[in-house]
Protein backbone atom coordinates (compact mmCIF):
# COMPACT_ATOMS: atom_id res chain seq x y z
CA MET A 1 -5.02 -23.53 -45.87
CA ALA A 2 -4.69 -22.15 -42.31
CA THR A 3 -0.84 -22.43 -42.68
CA ASP A 4 -1.11 -20.43 -45.87
CA ASP A 5 -3.06 -17.64 -44.39
CA ASN A 6 -0.70 -17.50 -41.43
CA CYS A 7 2.07 -17.39 -43.72
CA ALA A 8 0.51 -14.55 -45.74
CA ARG A 9 -0.26 -12.42 -42.24
CA GLN A 10 3.19 -12.95 -41.13
CA ARG A 11 4.45 -11.83 -44.71
CA SER A 12 2.34 -8.77 -44.76
CA LEU A 13 3.55 -7.90 -41.09
CA ILE A 14 7.13 -8.22 -42.23
CA GLU A 15 6.55 -6.12 -45.26
CA SER A 16 4.72 -3.44 -43.28
CA GLN A 17 7.54 -3.26 -40.78
CA VAL A 18 10.15 -2.96 -43.62
CA ALA A 19 8.15 -0.18 -45.14
CA ASP A 20 7.72 1.65 -41.64
CA PHE A 21 11.53 1.27 -41.03
CA ASN A 22 12.30 2.64 -44.61
CA SER A 23 10.11 5.57 -44.17
CA LEU A 24 11.37 6.37 -40.44
CA SER A 25 14.99 5.82 -41.73
CA ALA A 26 14.43 8.44 -44.53
CA THR A 27 12.99 10.66 -42.02
CA ALA A 28 15.77 10.39 -39.47
CA ALA A 29 18.14 11.13 -42.42
CA ARG A 30 16.55 14.44 -43.15
CA THR A 31 16.47 15.31 -39.40
CA GLU A 32 20.25 14.62 -39.25
CA ARG A 33 20.78 16.74 -42.22
CA LYS A 34 18.71 19.53 -40.78
CA LEU A 35 20.55 19.32 -37.48
CA ALA A 36 24.12 19.48 -39.09
CA ALA A 37 22.95 22.55 -41.01
CA LEU A 38 21.59 24.30 -37.86
CA LYS A 39 24.85 23.42 -36.10
CA ALA A 40 26.71 24.94 -39.02
CA GLU A 41 24.98 28.09 -38.65
CA PRO A 42 27.07 30.84 -36.54
CA HIS A 43 24.10 32.10 -34.42
CA ALA A 44 22.22 28.96 -34.23
CA ASP A 45 19.37 28.66 -31.54
CA PRO A 46 20.57 26.33 -28.74
CA ALA A 47 17.06 25.57 -28.13
CA ALA A 48 16.17 24.70 -31.74
CA ILE A 49 19.54 22.44 -31.90
CA ALA A 50 18.29 20.74 -28.46
CA SER A 51 14.82 20.11 -30.16
CA LEU A 52 16.21 18.49 -33.14
CA GLN A 53 18.63 16.45 -31.29
CA GLU A 54 15.76 15.24 -29.24
CA THR A 55 13.64 14.51 -32.39
CA LEU A 56 16.60 12.63 -33.82
CA SER A 57 17.10 10.57 -30.72
CA ALA A 58 13.29 9.66 -30.69
CA GLU A 59 13.53 8.56 -34.34
CA GLU A 60 16.76 6.63 -33.65
CA GLU A 61 14.76 4.95 -30.79
CA GLN A 62 11.91 3.99 -32.98
CA LEU A 63 14.10 2.66 -35.62
CA ALA A 64 15.61 0.36 -33.09
CA GLU A 65 12.28 -0.91 -31.94
CA ILE A 66 11.24 -1.67 -35.39
CA ALA A 67 14.17 -3.39 -36.19
CA VAL A 68 13.85 -5.55 -33.05
CA ALA A 69 10.20 -6.10 -33.93
CA GLY A 70 11.21 -7.08 -37.56
CA LYS A 71 13.76 -9.43 -36.60
CA ALA A 72 11.44 -11.30 -34.20
CA ALA A 73 8.68 -11.35 -37.00
CA VAL A 74 11.31 -12.89 -39.32
CA GLU A 75 12.51 -15.54 -36.84
CA GLU A 76 8.92 -16.54 -36.12
CA PHE A 77 8.18 -16.77 -39.79
CA GLN A 78 11.22 -18.86 -40.36
CA GLY A 79 10.46 -21.11 -37.54
CA SER A 80 6.88 -21.70 -38.85
CA ALA A 81 8.26 -22.40 -42.32
CA SER A 82 10.73 -24.83 -40.86
CA VAL A 83 8.07 -26.97 -39.25
CA ARG A 84 5.97 -27.23 -42.35
CA PRO A 85 6.07 -30.44 -44.14
CA SER A 86 8.76 -30.99 -46.75
CA ARG A 87 7.29 -30.36 -50.13
CA PRO A 88 8.28 -28.19 -52.97
CA VAL A 89 7.15 -24.51 -52.52
CA PRO A 90 5.82 -22.64 -55.62
CA ARG A 91 7.55 -19.42 -56.21
CA THR A 92 4.41 -17.28 -55.46
CA SER A 93 4.42 -18.78 -51.93
CA CYS A 94 6.21 -17.51 -48.98
């Protein structure tokens, strides 16, 4: 039972990280579009461009951090699943 609880926690963590990544990825895409539109303006404020570039860089850095954490969580999940006794796993299980 403890293994199932651990599996459920790990699965929940991974699903949460995927949701966070997807949400931030959409945000970064919007920021990138805003930045491109601002750069296309003939009299765009350089400070506004710099600010959006900084925001985009921070979002991209956060995406990279989430990706690394997610990869580690998946590897841990796969490692714990591989040490489980060999038995058929129901489709509803992780």
